[in-house]
């Protein structure tokens, strides 16, 4: 089953545009093996709260990345903007097909 990581932090007003541009630049880099998808989410109630949600193919992929000893790109992104993010890791237990029009 897939693994989802959620990295969340508060970004200062003056850094919001640069933060979003920095996330964009991460997409230019080669994707790590096992990366299924990544989403930059902005809180609709508190516009300074951002979350990067990343879907990984399996637990082994994430363990390998974590075992390499350096922070992942999403954590580094928040740290670049002087934010100590919270990190949550979930195992997907069930899902349903994507909506089709």
PDB file of N, CA and C in Angstrom:
ATOM      1  N   UNK A   1       0.830  -1.191   0.000  1.00  0.00           N
ATOM      2  CA  UNK A   1       0.000   0.000   0.000  1.00  0.00           C
ATOM      3  C   UNK A   1       0.873   1.253   0.000  1.00  0.00           C
ATOM      4  N   UNK A   2       0.316   2.319  -0.492  1.00  0.00           N
ATOM      5  CA  UNK A   2       1.030   3.590  -0.560  1.00  0.00           C
ATOM      6  C   UNK A   2       1.181   4.225   0.822  1.00  0.00           C
ATOM      7  N   UNK A   3       2.126   5.142   0.886  1.00  0.00           N
ATOM      8  CA  UNK A   3       2.387   5.927   2.095  1.00  0.00           C
ATOM      9  C   UNK A   3       2.187   7.389   1.731  1.00  0.00           C
ATOM     10  N   UNK A   4       1.571   8.144   2.650  1.00  0.00           N
ATOM     11  CA  UNK A   4       1.399   9.579   2.443  1.00  0.00           C
ATOM     12  C   UNK A   4       2.111  10.324   3.560  1.00  0.00           C
ATOM     13  N   UNK A   5       2.949  11.285   3.162  1.00  0.00           N
ATOM     14  CA  UNK A   5       3.574  12.160   4.150  1.00  0.00           C
ATOM     15  C   UNK A   5       2.942  13.531   4.035  1.00  0.00           C
ATOM     16  N   UNK A   6       2.797  14.181   5.189  1.00  0.00           N
ATOM     17  CA  UNK A   6       2.257  15.538   5.241  1.00  0.00           C
ATOM     18  C   UNK A   6       3.216  16.393   6.047  1.00  0.00           C
ATOM     19  N   UNK A   7       3.758  17.404   5.392  1.00  0.00           N
ATOM     20  CA  UNK A   7       4.704  18.314   6.034  1.00  0.00           C
ATOM     21  C   UNK A   7       4.026  19.680   6.069  1.00  0.00           C
ATOM     22  N   UNK A   8       3.867  20.233   7.282  1.00  0.00           N
ATOM     23  CA  UNK A   8       3.046  21.425   7.461  1.00  0.00           C
ATOM     24  C   UNK A   8       3.787  22.495   8.239  1.00  0.00           C
ATOM     25  N   UNK A   9       3.602  23.753   7.818  1.00  0.00           N
ATOM     26  CA  UNK A   9       4.222  24.854   8.538  1.00  0.00           C
ATOM     27  C   UNK A   9       3.580  26.183   8.200  1.00  0.00           C
ATOM     28  N   UNK A  10       3.930  27.185   8.985  1.00  0.00           N
ATOM     29  CA  UNK A  10       3.392  28.535   8.799  1.00  0.00           C
ATOM     30  C   UNK A  10       4.438  29.382   8.089  1.00  0.00           C
ATOM     31  N   UNK A  11       4.018  30.058   7.026  1.00  0.00           N
ATOM     32  CA  UNK A  11       4.910  30.878   6.212  1.00  0.00           C
ATOM     33  C   UNK A  11       4.536  32.347   6.413  1.00  0.00           C
ATOM     34  N   UNK A  12       5.538  33.189   6.622  1.00  0.00           N
ATOM     35  CA  UNK A  12       5.308  34.619   6.823  1.00  0.00           C
ATOM     36  C   UNK A  12       4.701  35.244   5.573  1.00  0.00           C
ATOM     37  N   UNK A  13       3.865  36.261   5.776  1.00  0.00           N
ATOM     38  CA  UNK A  13       3.202  36.949   4.656  1.00  0.00           C
ATOM     39  C   UNK A  13       4.179  37.337   3.557  1.00  0.00           C
ATOM     40  N   UNK A  14       5.302  37.916   3.962  1.00  0.00           N
ATOM     41  CA  UNK A  14       6.261  38.421   2.978  1.00  0.00           C
ATOM     42  C   UNK A  14       6.991  37.308   2.218  1.00  0.00           C
ATOM     43  N   UNK A  15       6.861  36.058   2.691  1.00  0.00           N
ATOM     44  CA  UNK A  15       7.556  34.931   2.056  1.00  0.00           C
ATOM     45  C   UNK A  15       6.651  34.045   1.203  1.00  0.00           C
ATOM     46  N   UNK A  16       5.361  34.301   1.197  1.00  0.00           N
ATOM     47  CA  UNK A  16       4.411  33.398   0.535  1.00  0.00           C
ATOM     48  C   UNK A  16       4.733  33.196  -0.947  1.00  0.00           C
ATOM     49  N   UNK A  17       4.934  34.275  -1.693  1.00  0.00           N
ATOM     50  CA  UNK A  17       5.221  34.121  -3.128  1.00  0.00           C
ATOM     51  C   UNK A  17       6.516  33.361  -3.361  1.00  0.00           C
ATOM     52  N   UNK A  18       7.548  33.698  -2.607  1.00  0.00           N
ATOM     53  CA  UNK A  18       8.842  33.018  -2.758  1.00  0.00           C
ATOM     54  C   UNK A  18       8.722  31.544  -2.380  1.00  0.00           C
ATOM     55  N   UNK A  19       7.925  31.246  -1.353  1.00  0.00           N
ATOM     56  CA  UNK A  19       7.715  29.864  -0.922  1.00  0.00           C
ATOM     57  C   UNK A  19       7.065  29.055  -2.045  1.00  0.00           C
ATOM     58  N   UNK A  20       6.006  29.622  -2.646  1.00  0.00           N
ATOM     59  CA  UNK A  20       5.327  28.915  -3.730  1.00  0.00           C
ATOM     60  C   UNK A  20       6.245  28.742  -4.940  1.00  0.00           C
ATOM     61  N   UNK A  21       7.060  29.736  -5.230  1.00  0.00           N
ATOM     62  CA  UNK A  21       8.015  29.628  -6.335  1.00  0.00           C
ATOM     63  C   UNK A  21       9.075  28.567  -6.037  1.00  0.00           C
ATOM     64  N   UNK A  22       9.490  28.482  -4.775  1.00  0.00           N
ATOM     65  CA  UNK A  22      10.488  27.475  -4.393  1.00  0.00           C
ATOM     66  C   UNK A  22       9.925  26.063  -4.553  1.00  0.00           C
ATOM     67  N   UNK A  23       8.650  25.875  -4.209  1.00  0.00           N
ATOM     68  CA  UNK A  23       8.018  24.572  -4.431  1.00  0.00           C
ATOM     69  C   UNK A  23       8.005  24.258  -5.923  1.00  0.00           C
ATOM     70  N   UNK A  24       7.663  25.268  -6.719  1.00  0.00           N
ATOM     71  CA  UNK A  24       7.655  25.096  -8.173  1.00  0.00           C
ATOM     72  C   UNK A  24       9.020  24.637  -8.684  1.00  0.00           C
ATOM     73  N   UNK A  25      10.087  25.198  -8.136  1.00  0.00           N
ATOM     74  CA  UNK A  25      11.432  24.847  -8.598  1.00  0.00           C
ATOM     75  C   UNK A  25      11.799  23.412  -8.228  1.00  0.00           C
ATOM     76  N   UNK A  26      11.207  22.889  -7.165  1.00  0.00           N
ATOM     77  CA  UNK A  26      11.456  21.487  -6.788  1.00  0.00           C
ATOM     78  C   UNK A  26      10.962  20.569  -7.899  1.00  0.00           C
ATOM     79  N   UNK A  27       9.876  20.951  -8.541  1.00  0.00           N
ATOM     80  CA  UNK A  27       9.320  20.130  -9.629  1.00  0.00           C
ATOM     81  C   UNK A  27      10.272  20.024 -10.807  1.00  0.00           C
ATOM     82  N   UNK A  28      11.215  20.949 -10.916  1.00  0.00           N
ATOM     83  CA  UNK A  28      12.188  20.926 -12.009  1.00  0.00           C
ATOM     84  C   UNK A  28      13.279  19.875 -11.787  1.00  0.00           C
ATOM     85  N   UNK A  29      13.448  19.470 -10.524  1.00  0.00           N
ATOM     86  CA  UNK A  29      14.480  18.491 -10.180  1.00  0.00           C
ATOM     87  C   UNK A  29      13.977  17.089 -10.518  1.00  0.00           C
ATOM     88  N   UNK A  30      14.886  16.148 -10.719  1.00  0.00           N
ATOM     89  CA  UNK A  30      14.447  14.761 -10.963  1.00  0.00           C
ATOM     90  C   UNK A  30      13.663  14.236  -9.754  1.00  0.00           C
ATOM     91  N   UNK A  31      12.560  13.580 -10.025  1.00  0.00           N
ATOM     92  CA  UNK A  31      11.726  13.041  -8.948  1.00  0.00           C
ATOM     93  C   UNK A  31      12.420  11.862  -8.291  1.00  0.00           C
ATOM     94  N   UNK A  32      12.336  11.776  -6.963  1.00  0.00           N
ATOM     95  CA  UNK A  32      12.917  10.612  -6.293  1.00  0.00           C
ATOM     96  C   UNK A  32      12.181   9.335  -6.703  1.00  0.00           C
ATOM     97  N   UNK A  33      12.894   8.250  -6.698  1.00  0.00           N
ATOM     98  CA  UNK A  33      12.289   6.956  -7.025  1.00  0.00           C
ATOM     99  C   UNK A  33      11.145   6.673  -6.054  1.00  0.00           C
ATOM    100  N   UNK A  34      10.012   6.246  -6.584  1.00  0.00           N
ATOM    101  CA  UNK A  34       8.882   5.885  -5.743  1.00  0.00           C
ATOM    102  C   UNK A  34       7.907   7.024  -5.478  1.00  0.00           C
ATOM    103  N   UNK A  35       8.211   8.223  -5.958  1.00  0.00           N
ATOM    104  CA  UNK A  35       7.292   9.351  -5.781  1.00  0.00           C
ATOM    105  C   UNK A  35       6.112   9.170  -6.721  1.00  0.00           C
ATOM    106  N   UNK A  36       4.912   9.157  -6.170  1.00  0.00           N
ATOM    107  CA  UNK A  36       3.701   9.007  -6.971  1.00  0.00           C
ATOM    108  C   UNK A  36       3.113  10.375  -7.297  1.00  0.00           C
ATOM    109  N   UNK A  37       3.012  11.238  -6.284  1.00  0.00           N
ATOM    110  CA  UNK A  37       2.439  12.574  -6.475  1.00  0.00           C
ATOM    111  C   UNK A  37       2.834  13.459  -5.305  1.00  0.00           C
ATOM    112  N   UNK A  38       2.811  14.764  -5.549  1.00  0.00           N
ATOM    113  CA  UNK A  38       3.063  15.739  -4.489  1.00  0.00           C
ATOM    114  C   UNK A  38       2.147  16.930  -4.715  1.00  0.00           C
ATOM    115  N   UNK A  39       1.601  17.456  -3.624  1.00  0.00           N
ATOM    116  CA  UNK A  39       0.660  18.569  -3.706  1.00  0.00           C
ATOM    117  C   UNK A  39       1.056  19.661  -2.719  1.00  0.00           C
ATOM    118  N   UNK A  40       1.047  20.898  -3.174  1.00  0.00           N
ATOM    119  CA  UNK A  40       1.228  22.040  -2.284  1.00  0.00           C
ATOM    120  C   UNK A  40      -0.165  22.535  -1.930  1.00  0.00           C
ATOM    121  N   UNK A  41      -0.488  22.499  -0.645  1.00  0.00           N
ATOM    122  CA  UNK A  41      -1.816  22.876  -0.176  1.00  0.00           C
ATOM    123  C   UNK A  41      -1.736  24.139   0.668  1.00  0.00           C
ATOM    124  N   UNK A  42      -2.690  25.032   0.476  1.00  0.00           N
ATOM    125  CA  UNK A  42      -2.768  26.270   1.259  1.00  0.00           C
ATOM    126  C   UNK A  42      -4.061  26.241   2.059  1.00  0.00           C
ATOM    127  N   UNK A  43      -3.949  26.489   3.346  1.00  0.00           N
ATOM    128  CA  UNK A  43      -5.105  26.482   4.234  1.00  0.00           C
ATOM    129  C   UNK A  43      -6.084  27.588   3.825  1.00  0.00           C
ATOM    130  N   UNK A  44      -7.349  27.264   3.735  1.00  0.00           N
ATOM    131  CA  UNK A  44      -8.340  28.256   3.318  1.00  0.00           C
ATOM    132  C   UNK A  44      -8.807  29.134   4.484  1.00  0.00           C
ATOM    133  N   UNK A  45      -8.521  28.748   5.715  1.00  0.00           N
ATOM    134  CA  UNK A  45      -8.896  29.558   6.877  1.00  0.00           C
ATOM    135  C   UNK A  45      -7.730  30.435   7.312  1.00  0.00           C
ATOM    136  N   UNK A  46      -6.549  29.854   7.396  1.00  0.00           N
ATOM    137  CA  UNK A  46      -5.341  30.618   7.734  1.00  0.00           C
ATOM    138  C   UNK A  46      -4.411  30.561   6.522  1.00  0.00           C
ATOM    139  N   UNK A  47      -4.375  31.617   5.707  1.00  0.00           N
ATOM    140  CA  UNK A  47      -3.611  31.575   4.447  1.00  0.00           C
ATOM    141  C   UNK A  47      -2.091  31.512   4.617  1.00  0.00           C
ATOM    142  N   UNK A  48      -1.611  31.534   5.850  1.00  0.00           N
ATOM    143  CA  UNK A  48      -0.174  31.397   6.085  1.00  0.00           C
ATOM    144  C   UNK A  48       0.231  29.950   6.342  1.00  0.00           C
ATOM    145  N   UNK A  49      -0.745  29.068   6.481  1.00  0.00           N
ATOM    146  CA  UNK A  49      -0.463  27.655   6.736  1.00  0.00           C
ATOM    147  C   UNK A  49      -0.405  26.912   5.403  1.00  0.00           C
ATOM    148  N   UNK A  50       0.712  26.241   5.195  1.00  0.00           N
ATOM    149  CA  UNK A  50       0.904  25.430   3.989  1.00  0.00           C
ATOM    150  C   UNK A  50       1.197  23.995   4.392  1.00  0.00           C
ATOM    151  N   UNK A  51       0.860  23.089   3.482  1.00  0.00           N
ATOM    152  CA  UNK A  51       1.140  21.675   3.695  1.00  0.00           C
ATOM    153  C   UNK A  51       1.598  21.092   2.367  1.00  0.00           C
ATOM    154  N   UNK A  52       2.636  20.279   2.414  1.00  0.00           N
ATOM    155  CA  UNK A  52       3.037  19.510   1.243  1.00  0.00           C
ATOM    156  C   UNK A  52       2.631  18.065   1.521  1.00  0.00           C
ATOM    157  N   UNK A  53       1.729  17.574   0.705  1.00  0.00           N
ATOM    158  CA  UNK A  53       1.268  16.197   0.826  1.00  0.00           C
ATOM    159  C   UNK A  53       1.926  15.396  -0.292  1.00  0.00           C
ATOM    160  N   UNK A  54       2.613  14.334   0.094  1.00  0.00           N
ATOM    161  CA  UNK A  54       3.347  13.530  -0.879  1.00  0.00           C
ATOM    162  C   UNK A  54       2.900  12.080  -0.779  1.00  0.00           C
ATOM    163  N   UNK A  55       2.667  11.478  -1.935  1.00  0.00           N
ATOM    164  CA  UNK A  55       2.259  10.077  -1.995  1.00  0.00           C
ATOM    165  C   UNK A  55       3.455   9.264  -2.483  1.00  0.00           C
ATOM    166  N   UNK A  56       3.797   8.233  -1.718  1.00  0.00           N
ATOM    167  CA  UNK A  56       4.915   7.344  -2.048  1.00  0.00           C
ATOM    168  C   UNK A  56       4.389   5.969  -2.405  1.00  0.00           C
ATOM    169  N   UNK A  57       5.069   5.287  -3.291  1.00  0.00           N
ATOM    170  CA  UNK A  57       4.620   3.993  -3.812  1.00  0.00           C
ATOM    171  C   UNK A  57       4.493   2.924  -2.733  1.00  0.00           C
ATOM    172  N   UNK A  58       5.406   2.946  -1.769  1.00  0.00           N
ATOM    173  CA  UNK A  58       5.385   1.913  -0.741  1.00  0.00           C
ATOM    174  C   UNK A  58       6.262   2.328   0.439  1.00  0.00           C
ATOM    175  N   UNK A  59       6.150   1.647   1.572  1.00  0.00           N
ATOM    176  CA  UNK A  59       6.929   2.020   2.750  1.00  0.00           C
ATOM    177  C   UNK A  59       8.442   1.885   2.544  1.00  0.00           C
ATOM    178  N   UNK A  60       8.846   0.913   1.743  1.00  0.00           N
ATOM    179  CA  UNK A  60      10.279   0.694   1.530  1.00  0.00           C
ATOM    180  C   UNK A  60      10.936   1.913   0.889  1.00  0.00           C
ATOM    181  N   UNK A  61      10.242   2.531  -0.053  1.00  0.00           N
ATOM    182  CA  UNK A  61      10.766   3.724  -0.717  1.00  0.00           C
ATOM    183  C   UNK A  61      11.001   4.831   0.291  1.00  0.00           C
ATOM    184  N   UNK A  62      10.017   5.084   1.132  1.00  0.00           N
ATOM    185  CA  UNK A  62      10.153   6.147   2.134  1.00  0.00           C
ATOM    186  C   UNK A  62      11.249   5.814   3.143  1.00  0.00           C
ATOM    187  N   UNK A  63      11.321   4.569   3.577  1.00  0.00           N
ATOM    188  CA  UNK A  63      12.364   4.160   4.525  1.00  0.00           C
ATOM    189  C   UNK A  63      13.752   4.383   3.934  1.00  0.00           C
ATOM    190  N   UNK A  64      13.896   4.093   2.641  1.00  0.00           N
ATOM    191  CA  UNK A  64      15.186   4.291   1.971  1.00  0.00           C
ATOM    192  C   UNK A  64      15.561   5.775   1.982  1.00  0.00           C
ATOM    193  N   UNK A  65      14.611   6.636   1.638  1.00  0.00           N
ATOM    194  CA  UNK A  65      14.876   8.074   1.621  1.00  0.00           C
ATOM    195  C   UNK A  65      15.211   8.574   3.021  1.00  0.00           C
ATOM    196  N   UNK A  66      14.448   8.133   4.006  1.00  0.00           N
ATOM    197  CA  UNK A  66      14.692   8.560   5.386  1.00  0.00           C
ATOM    198  C   UNK A  66      16.028   8.024   5.899  1.00  0.00           C
ATOM    199  N   UNK A  67      16.402   6.846   5.417  1.00  0.00           N
ATOM    200  CA  UNK A  67      17.643   6.228   5.862  1.00  0.00           C
ATOM    201  C   UNK A  67      18.890   6.876   5.290  1.00  0.00           C
ATOM    202  N   UNK A  68      18.719   7.709   4.273  1.00  0.00           N
ATOM    203  CA  UNK A  68      19.869   8.371   3.658  1.00  0.00           C
ATOM    204  C   UNK A  68      20.404   9.505   4.528  1.00  0.00           C
ATOM    205  N   UNK A  69      19.672   9.850   5.583  1.00  0.00           N
ATOM    206  CA  UNK A  69      20.194  10.792   6.574  1.00  0.00           C
ATOM    207  C   UNK A  69      19.970  12.264   6.303  1.00  0.00           C
ATOM    208  N   UNK A  70      19.520  12.626   5.124  1.00  0.00           N
ATOM    209  CA  UNK A  70      19.273  14.045   4.870  1.00  0.00           C
ATOM    210  C   UNK A  70      17.772  14.292   4.815  1.00  0.00           C
ATOM    211  N   UNK A  71      17.375  15.510   5.086  1.00  0.00           N
ATOM    212  CA  UNK A  71      15.959  15.861   5.058  1.00  0.00           C
ATOM    213  C   UNK A  71      15.433  15.805   3.632  1.00  0.00           C
ATOM    214  N   UNK A  72      14.165  15.467   3.507  1.00  0.00           N
ATOM    215  CA  UNK A  72      13.534  15.423   2.188  1.00  0.00           C
ATOM    216  C   UNK A  72      13.325  16.842   1.669  1.00  0.00           C
ATOM    217  N   UNK A  73      13.036  16.944   0.385  1.00  0.00           N
ATOM    218  CA  UNK A  73      12.890  18.251  -0.258  1.00  0.00           C
ATOM    219  C   UNK A  73      11.783  19.077   0.382  1.00  0.00           C
ATOM    220  N   UNK A  74      10.690  18.439   0.798  1.00  0.00           N
ATOM    221  CA  UNK A  74       9.599  19.201   1.395  1.00  0.00           C
ATOM    222  C   UNK A  74       9.989  19.787   2.749  1.00  0.00           C
ATOM    223  N   UNK A  75      10.710  19.033   3.550  1.00  0.00           N
ATOM    224  CA  UNK A  75      11.177  19.548   4.839  1.00  0.00           C
ATOM    225  C   UNK A  75      12.182  20.673   4.623  1.00  0.00           C
ATOM    226  N   UNK A  76      13.111  20.475   3.696  1.00  0.00           N
ATOM    227  CA  UNK A  76      14.097  21.521   3.391  1.00  0.00           C
ATOM    228  C   UNK A  76      13.415  22.804   2.915  1.00  0.00           C
ATOM    229  N   UNK A  77      12.329  22.651   2.162  1.00  0.00           N
ATOM    230  CA  UNK A  77      11.590  23.807   1.669  1.00  0.00           C
ATOM    231  C   UNK A  77      11.108  24.670   2.834  1.00  0.00           C
ATOM    232  N   UNK A  78      10.469  24.061   3.808  1.00  0.00           N
ATOM    233  CA  UNK A  78       9.991  24.822   4.965  1.00  0.00           C
ATOM    234  C   UNK A  78      11.145  25.410   5.761  1.00  0.00           C
ATOM    235  N   UNK A  79      12.196  24.632   5.958  1.00  0.00           N
ATOM    236  CA  UNK A  79      13.352  25.115   6.713  1.00  0.00           C
ATOM    237  C   UNK A  79      14.011  26.317   6.035  1.00  0.00           C
ATOM    238  N   UNK A  80      14.000  26.339   4.714  1.00  0.00           N
ATOM    239  CA  UNK A  80      14.560  27.462   3.959  1.00  0.00           C
ATOM    240  C   UNK A  80      13.853  28.768   4.328  1.00  0.00           C
ATOM    241  N   UNK A  81      12.595  28.660   4.747  1.00  0.00           N
ATOM    242  CA  UNK A  81      11.814  29.839   5.118  1.00  0.00           C
ATOM    243  C   UNK A  81      11.643  29.931   6.638  1.00  0.00           C
ATOM    244  N   UNK A  82      12.669  29.443   7.354  1.00  0.00           N
ATOM    245  CA  UNK A  82      12.740  29.541   8.824  1.00  0.00           C
ATOM    246  C   UNK A  82      11.514  28.982   9.530  1.00  0.00           C
ATOM    247  N   UNK A  83      11.003  27.880   9.002  1.00  0.00           N
ATOM    248  CA  UNK A  83       9.854  27.206   9.602  1.00  0.00           C
ATOM    249  C   UNK A  83      10.266  25.793   9.990  1.00  0.00           C
ATOM    250  N   UNK A  84       9.958  25.430  11.224  1.00  0.00           N
ATOM    251  CA  UNK A  84      10.196  24.069  11.696  1.00  0.00           C
ATOM    252  C   UNK A  84       8.890  23.297  11.486  1.00  0.00           C
ATOM    253  N   UNK A  85       8.779  22.558  10.392  1.00  0.00           N
ATOM    254  CA  UNK A  85       7.491  21.949  10.056  1.00  0.00           C
ATOM    255  C   UNK A  85       7.158  20.734  10.917  1.00  0.00           C
ATOM    256  N   UNK A  86       5.864  20.452  10.987  1.00  0.00           N
ATOM    257  CA  UNK A  86       5.435  19.187  11.575  1.00  0.00           C
ATOM    258  C   UNK A  86       5.376  18.161  10.443  1.00  0.00           C
ATOM    259  N   UNK A  87       5.675  16.926  10.782  1.00  0.00           N
ATOM    260  CA  UNK A  87       5.694  15.859   9.783  1.00  0.00           C
ATOM    261  C   UNK A  87       4.779  14.738  10.259  1.00  0.00           C
ATOM    262  N   UNK A  88       3.886  14.322   9.381  1.00  0.00           N
ATOM    263  CA  UNK A  88       2.999  13.198   9.668  1.00  0.00           C
ATOM    264  C   UNK A  88       3.170  12.167   8.555  1.00  0.00           C
ATOM    265  N   UNK A  89       3.120  10.892   8.929  1.00  0.00           N
ATOM    266  CA  UNK A  89       3.277   9.809   7.952  1.00  0.00           C
ATOM    267  C   UNK A  89       2.110   8.839   8.132  1.00  0.00           C
ATOM    268  N   UNK A  90       1.439   8.565   7.025  1.00  0.00           N
ATOM    269  CA  UNK A  90       0.269   7.698   7.043  1.00  0.00           C
ATOM    270  C   UNK A  90       0.424   6.555   6.050  1.00  0.00           C
ATOM    271  N   UNK A  91      -0.127   5.415   6.424  1.00  0.00           N
ATOM    272  CA  UNK A  91      -0.231   4.283   5.519  1.00  0.00           C
ATOM    273  C   UNK A  91      -1.640   4.280   4.935  1.00  0.00           C
ATOM    274  N   UNK A  92      -1.753   4.205   3.628  1.00  0.00           N
ATOM    275  CA  UNK A  92      -3.065   4.141   2.987  1.00  0.00           C
ATOM    276  C   UNK A  92      -3.643   2.762   3.257  1.00  0.00           C
ATOM    277  N   UNK A  93      -4.817   2.738   3.859  1.00  0.00           N
ATOM    278  CA  UNK A  93      -5.453   1.468   4.197  1.00  0.00           C
ATOM    279  C   UNK A  93      -6.565   1.095   3.218  1.00  0.00           C
ATOM    280  N   UNK A  94      -7.116   2.106   2.546  1.00  0.00           N
ATOM    281  CA  UNK A  94      -8.196   1.861   1.607  1.00  0.00           C
ATOM    282  C   UNK A  94      -8.333   3.109   0.735  1.00  0.00           C
ATOM    283  N   UNK A  95      -8.952   2.963  -0.406  1.00  0.00           N
ATOM    284  CA  UNK A  95      -9.179   4.126  -1.285  1.00  0.00           C
ATOM    285  C   UNK A  95     -10.343   3.822  -2.209  1.00  0.00           C
ATOM    286  N   UNK A  96     -10.732   4.792  -3.001  1.00  0.00           N
ATOM    287  CA  UNK A  96     -11.754   4.586  -4.011  1.00  0.00           C
ATOM    288  C   UNK A  96     -11.279   5.216  -5.304  1.00  0.00           C
ATOM    289  N   UNK A  97     -11.830   4.771  -6.439  1.00  0.00           N
ATOM    290  CA  UNK A  97     -11.369   5.287  -7.731  1.00  0.00           C
ATOM    291  C   UNK A  97     -11.559   6.794  -7.849  1.00  0.00           C
ATOM    292  N   UNK A  98     -10.720   7.422  -8.647  1.00  0.00           N
ATOM    293  CA  UNK A  98     -10.839   8.853  -8.870  1.00  0.00           C
ATOM    294  C   UNK A  98     -12.116   9.163  -9.633  1.00  0.00           C
ATOM    295  N   UNK A  99     -12.614  10.343  -9.368  1.00  0.00           N
ATOM    296  CA  UNK A  99     -13.825  10.817 -10.049  1.00  0.00           C
ATOM    297  C   UNK A  99     -13.559  10.962 -11.537  1.00  0.00           C
ATOM    298  N   UNK A 100     -14.491  10.497 -12.333  1.00  0.00           N
ATOM    299  CA  UNK A 100     -14.391  10.645 -13.788  1.00  0.00           C
ATOM    300  C   UNK A 100     -15.634  11.351 -14.288  1.00  0.00           C
ATOM    301  N   UNK A 101     -15.437  12.302 -15.194  1.00  0.00           N
ATOM    302  CA  UNK A 101     -16.583  13.020 -15.769  1.00  0.00           C
ATOM    303  C   UNK A 101     -17.156  12.282 -16.940  1.00  0.00           C
TER     304      UNK A 101
END
